[in-house]
């Protein structure tokens, strides 16, 4: 029995020049599911995404999903994509197993938490706003760390540089004075030990409630292991509650097991896993 893809609608263009198309998954010409392919430019290349794969219940466990994924990969190969990415919901164990069988590996995870009331800042610690004078040095350090994580997740150095520049230019358009952003430095004994960046306007949950996002939690290399990361996360929660936001999400790279353990201990749970592979 032959499984193929058939366009389910016209191809659309993205503002960045990328492409997007929805497909019917067909077995011997009869629709048995759907899948969507997308692409966007990054550095000297294109990143492809496969999303919304759904095979109707009576047709599952017959290899339809595998063939649909392979066919979608061929579409994206034809679109010039050299790297593919998937977002798999935390509870989609079958999808995760399928992706693993096709050579995709996890690069990062999305986590979230519905906030209660966190404890106050420890009495020997102080939080202060990162101002215009401190902002350039802080941003230079944050960019360097971000680029390192992106390269470890599989991007080329040029792709990592371009993504870093684009993300920070968009998200911190007005520097330290960007509205809806909390930039904080943690001090111990009067000296800096770490910093925090929270975006309080990142978006909404499916039910419409506002969702904030921890963009970075950074503890100085020589001050790690003393609970400062936990204090910064609690500070992020207090910032959200003060802004009327009760849901907080974050991204963590899969290799960062120390951070994952911290977030789980604070009650954050996985919402999705990001997987990637090179064609």
Protein backbone atom coordinates (compact mmCIF):
# COMPACT_ATOMS: atom_id res chain seq x y z
CA UNK A 1 0.00 0.00 0.00
CA UNK A 2 1.49 3.35 -1.09
CA UNK A 3 1.54 6.35 1.25
CA UNK A 4 2.00 9.77 -0.36
CA UNK A 5 1.48 13.46 0.32
CA UNK A 6 -1.01 15.57 -1.59
CA UNK A 7 -1.35 19.37 -1.21
CA UNK A 8 -4.25 20.26 1.09
CA UNK A 9 -4.12 23.90 0.05
CA UNK A 10 -1.93 26.51 -1.61
CA UNK A 11 1.61 27.16 -0.45
CA UNK A 12 1.95 30.35 1.58
CA UNK A 13 4.95 32.66 2.02
CA UNK A 14 6.25 33.81 5.37
CA UNK A 15 7.36 37.39 6.02
CA UNK A 16 10.99 36.23 6.30
CA UNK A 17 10.87 34.57 2.86
CA UNK A 18 10.15 31.10 4.19
CA UNK A 19 7.47 28.74 2.94
CA UNK A 20 4.55 26.94 4.52
CA UNK A 21 2.20 24.24 3.22
CA UNK A 22 -0.33 21.80 4.58
CA UNK A 23 -0.59 18.30 3.11
CA UNK A 24 -2.98 15.39 3.10
CA UNK A 25 -1.42 12.04 3.92
CA UNK A 26 -2.91 9.57 1.46
CA UNK A 27 -2.85 5.76 1.32
CA UNK A 28 -3.58 4.49 -2.21
CA UNK A 29 -5.02 7.92 -2.98
CA UNK A 30 -7.37 8.05 0.03
CA UNK A 31 -6.79 10.66 2.81
CA UNK A 32 -5.67 9.11 6.09
CA UNK A 33 -4.18 12.15 7.83
CA UNK A 34 -2.50 15.56 7.55
CA UNK A 35 0.91 17.12 8.07
CA UNK A 36 2.42 20.60 7.64
CA UNK A 37 5.85 21.64 6.39
CA UNK A 38 7.48 25.02 6.94
CA UNK A 39 10.84 26.68 6.40
CA UNK A 40 12.65 29.84 7.43
CA UNK A 41 16.09 31.26 6.66
CA UNK A 42 18.86 31.15 9.24
CA UNK A 43 22.35 32.26 8.35
CA UNK A 44 23.57 30.77 5.07
CA UNK A 45 20.84 28.13 4.99
CA UNK A 46 17.26 27.11 5.68
CA UNK A 47 15.67 25.44 8.69
CA UNK A 48 12.70 23.17 8.07
CA UNK A 49 9.85 22.26 10.41
CA UNK A 50 7.46 19.35 10.32
CA UNK A 51 4.34 19.99 12.39
CA UNK A 52 0.75 18.94 13.02
CA UNK A 53 1.21 15.33 11.91
CA UNK A 54 -2.05 13.50 12.52
CA UNK A 55 -3.08 10.08 11.26
CA UNK A 56 -6.74 9.12 11.73
CA UNK A 57 -7.30 6.46 14.37
CA UNK A 58 -8.22 3.48 12.15
CA UNK A 59 -5.04 3.99 10.09
CA UNK A 60 -2.54 4.17 12.93
CA UNK A 61 0.15 1.54 13.63
CA UNK A 62 0.48 0.79 9.95
CA UNK A 63 3.56 2.89 9.22
CA UNK A 64 1.56 5.85 7.86
CA UNK A 65 3.24 8.32 10.21
CA UNK A 66 6.71 7.08 9.28
CA UNK A 67 6.04 7.41 5.56
CA UNK A 68 4.46 10.84 6.08
CA UNK A 69 7.53 12.05 7.98
CA UNK A 70 9.90 10.74 5.31
CA UNK A 71 7.83 12.34 2.55
CA UNK A 72 7.76 15.65 4.45
CA UNK A 73 11.54 15.46 4.79
CA UNK A 74 11.84 15.10 1.02
CA UNK A 75 9.66 18.18 0.55
CA UNK A 76 11.91 20.17 2.85
CA UNK A 77 15.04 18.82 1.20
CA UNK A 78 13.63 20.17 -2.07
CA UNK A 79 13.09 23.52 -0.36
CA UNK A 80 16.82 23.67 0.41
CA UNK A 81 16.61 22.87 4.13
CA UNK A 82 19.69 21.34 5.68
CA UNK A 83 18.33 21.03 9.22
CA UNK A 84 14.91 19.92 10.43
CA UNK A 85 13.18 20.65 13.73
CA UNK A 86 10.15 19.15 15.46
CA UNK A 87 8.15 20.21 18.50
CA UNK A 88 6.68 17.17 20.27
CA UNK A 89 4.12 17.62 23.10
CA UNK A 90 5.24 16.18 26.41
CA UNK A 91 2.51 13.53 26.46
CA UNK A 92 2.99 12.39 22.83
CA UNK A 93 5.10 9.30 23.55
CA UNK A 94 4.31 7.68 20.19
CA UNK A 95 5.43 10.80 18.29
CA UNK A 96 8.61 10.97 20.37
CA UNK A 97 9.39 7.33 19.60
CA UNK A 98 8.73 7.88 15.89
CA UNK A 99 11.05 10.89 15.78
CA UNK A 100 13.77 8.94 17.57
CA UNK A 101 13.50 6.06 15.12
CA UNK A 102 14.06 8.52 12.27
CA UNK A 103 17.24 9.98 13.76
CA UNK A 104 15.93 13.08 15.53
CA UNK A 105 17.59 13.97 18.83
CA UNK A 106 16.32 16.26 21.57
CA UNK A 107 18.02 19.65 21.71
CA UNK A 108 15.90 21.53 24.23
CA UNK A 109 12.72 21.45 26.28
CA UNK A 110 9.92 23.90 27.03
CA UNK A 111 8.69 23.93 30.63
CA UNK A 112 5.94 25.86 32.41
CA UNK A 113 4.40 26.39 35.82
CA UNK A 114 1.25 27.92 37.26
CA UNK A 115 2.56 30.21 39.96
CA UNK A 116 1.76 30.25 43.63
CA UNK A 117 3.25 32.76 46.06
CA UNK A 118 7.07 32.34 46.18
CA UNK A 119 9.05 33.22 49.30
CA UNK A 120 10.65 36.63 49.67
CA UNK A 121 14.23 37.21 48.63
CA UNK A 122 16.80 35.91 51.11
CA UNK A 123 17.80 38.70 53.53
CA UNK A 124 21.47 38.59 52.55
CA UNK A 125 20.70 39.06 48.85
CA UNK A 126 19.62 42.11 46.86
CA UNK A 127 17.97 42.49 43.47
CA UNK A 128 18.44 45.64 41.44
CA UNK A 129 17.42 46.74 37.99
CA UNK A 130 19.99 46.52 35.17
CA UNK A 131 20.27 50.09 33.94
CA UNK A 132 21.49 51.68 30.73
CA UNK A 133 25.09 51.90 31.96
CA UNK A 134 25.29 48.17 32.77
CA UNK A 135 23.16 46.97 29.86
CA UNK A 136 25.81 46.75 27.06
CA UNK A 137 28.21 44.61 29.10
CA UNK A 138 25.36 42.40 30.33
CA UNK A 139 24.03 41.94 26.80
CA UNK A 140 27.47 41.05 25.42
CA UNK A 141 27.80 38.28 28.01
CA UNK A 142 24.25 36.98 27.45
CA UNK A 143 24.76 36.89 23.68
CA UNK A 144 28.00 34.94 24.00
CA UNK A 145 26.33 32.36 26.25
CA UNK A 146 23.32 32.07 23.93
CA UNK A 147 25.53 31.50 20.90
CA UNK A 148 27.40 28.73 22.73
CA UNK A 149 24.12 26.94 23.51
CA UNK A 150 22.92 27.28 19.92
CA UNK A 151 26.12 25.80 18.51
CA UNK A 152 25.94 22.89 20.97
CA UNK A 153 22.36 22.25 19.83
CA UNK A 154 23.54 21.83 16.24
CA UNK A 155 23.56 25.25 14.58
CA UNK A 156 26.62 26.45 12.71
CA UNK A 157 28.53 29.37 14.29
CA UNK A 158 27.15 31.72 11.62
CA UNK A 159 23.58 30.52 12.15
CA UNK A 160 23.99 30.91 15.91
CA UNK A 161 25.33 34.44 15.46
CA UNK A 162 22.50 35.46 13.13
CA UNK A 163 19.78 33.98 15.35
CA UNK A 164 21.26 35.60 18.44
CA UNK A 165 21.42 39.02 16.80
CA UNK A 166 17.89 38.76 15.40
CA UNK A 167 16.33 37.53 18.65
CA UNK A 168 17.92 40.13 20.88
CA UNK A 169 17.30 42.98 18.44
CA UNK A 170 13.59 42.08 18.41
CA UNK A 171 13.12 41.29 22.08
CA UNK A 172 15.23 44.14 23.52
CA UNK A 173 14.47 46.79 20.92
CA UNK A 174 14.77 49.64 23.44
CA UNK A 175 17.63 48.21 25.45
CA UNK A 176 17.26 48.29 29.21
CA UNK A 177 14.13 50.43 28.81
CA UNK A 178 12.25 47.89 26.66
CA UNK A 179 8.62 47.81 27.91
CA UNK A 180 7.33 44.63 29.49
CA UNK A 181 10.81 43.33 30.27
CA UNK A 182 12.35 42.76 33.70
CA UNK A 183 16.15 42.85 33.74
CA UNK A 184 17.57 42.23 37.20
CA UNK A 185 20.98 41.70 38.78
CA UNK A 186 21.40 39.62 41.93
CA UNK A 187 23.88 40.91 44.52
CA UNK A 188 25.43 39.08 47.45
CA UNK A 189 27.56 41.03 49.89
CA UNK A 190 27.22 44.03 47.59
CA UNK A 191 28.77 42.24 44.59
CA UNK A 192 27.01 40.78 41.53
CA UNK A 193 26.53 37.02 41.41
CA UNK A 194 24.01 36.61 38.59
CA UNK A 195 21.29 38.12 36.45
CA UNK A 196 17.76 37.55 35.24
CA UNK A 197 15.77 38.47 32.12
CA UNK A 198 12.00 37.91 32.11
CA UNK A 199 9.69 38.84 29.25
CA UNK A 200 6.31 39.63 30.82
CA UNK A 201 4.44 39.97 27.49
CA UNK A 202 5.54 36.87 25.59
CA UNK A 203 2.04 35.59 24.79
CA UNK A 204 -0.95 33.62 26.01
CA UNK A 205 -1.82 30.11 27.09
CA UNK A 206 -4.42 28.24 25.03
CA UNK A 207 -7.09 29.42 27.49
CA UNK A 208 -6.13 33.07 26.92
CA UNK A 209 -4.32 33.67 30.20
CA UNK A 210 -1.13 35.73 29.86
CA UNK A 211 2.13 33.82 29.80
CA UNK A 212 5.52 35.24 30.78
CA UNK A 213 8.85 33.70 29.80
CA UNK A 214 12.22 33.39 31.51
CA UNK A 215 14.64 34.39 28.77
CA UNK A 216 17.85 33.96 30.76
CA UNK A 217 18.96 32.98 34.24
CA UNK A 218 22.70 33.43 34.55
CA UNK A 219 24.91 32.79 37.58
CA UNK A 220 28.57 33.77 37.49
CA UNK A 221 30.72 30.69 36.86
CA UNK A 222 32.63 31.01 40.13
CA UNK A 223 29.45 31.49 42.21
CA UNK A 224 27.48 28.44 41.10
CA UNK A 225 26.35 25.78 43.53
CA UNK A 226 25.25 28.26 46.22
CA UNK A 227 21.52 28.49 45.44
CA UNK A 228 21.67 31.70 43.43
CA UNK A 229 19.93 30.11 40.45
CA UNK A 230 17.00 29.18 42.67
CA UNK A 231 16.86 32.71 44.07
CA UNK A 232 16.80 34.15 40.56
CA UNK A 233 13.94 31.84 39.53
CA UNK A 234 11.96 32.84 42.61
CA UNK A 235 12.62 36.46 41.70
CA UNK A 236 11.24 35.77 38.22
CA UNK A 237 8.06 34.39 39.76
CA UNK A 238 7.67 37.46 41.96
CA UNK A 239 8.11 39.72 38.91
CA UNK A 240 5.33 37.83 37.12
CA UNK A 241 2.91 38.01 40.01
CA UNK A 242 3.58 41.73 40.44
CA UNK A 243 2.65 42.20 36.77
CA UNK A 244 -0.54 40.15 37.14
CA UNK A 245 0.81 37.09 35.29
CA UNK A 246 0.32 33.69 36.90
CA UNK A 247 1.92 31.40 34.30
CA UNK A 248 5.63 31.28 33.61
CA UNK A 249 7.44 29.31 30.92
CA UNK A 250 11.07 28.76 30.00
CA UNK A 251 13.40 26.96 27.62
CA UNK A 252 16.22 24.72 28.79
CA UNK A 253 18.81 22.94 26.68
CA UNK A 254 18.72 19.18 27.15
CA UNK A 255 22.42 18.94 28.01
CA UNK A 256 21.97 21.34 30.95
CA UNK A 257 21.05 18.69 33.50
CA UNK A 258 21.80 20.96 36.48
CA UNK A 259 19.25 23.53 35.30
CA UNK A 260 16.68 20.84 34.50
CA UNK A 261 16.97 19.46 38.03
CA UNK A 262 16.53 22.96 39.48
CA UNK A 263 13.43 23.73 37.42
CA UNK A 264 11.81 20.40 38.22
CA UNK A 265 12.45 20.93 41.93
CA UNK A 266 10.59 24.25 41.67
CA UNK A 267 7.56 22.60 40.09
CA UNK A 268 8.13 23.28 36.40
CA UNK A 269 6.89 20.56 34.07
CA UNK A 270 7.71 19.75 30.46
CA UNK A 271 5.17 21.02 27.92
CA UNK A 272 7.09 20.07 24.76
CA UNK A 273 10.40 18.74 23.51
CA UNK A 274 12.30 20.20 20.54
CA UNK A 275 14.10 17.65 18.36
CA UNK A 276 16.33 18.18 15.34
CA UNK A 277 18.35 16.39 12.71
CA UNK A 278 20.48 17.25 9.70
CA UNK A 279 19.48 16.10 6.26
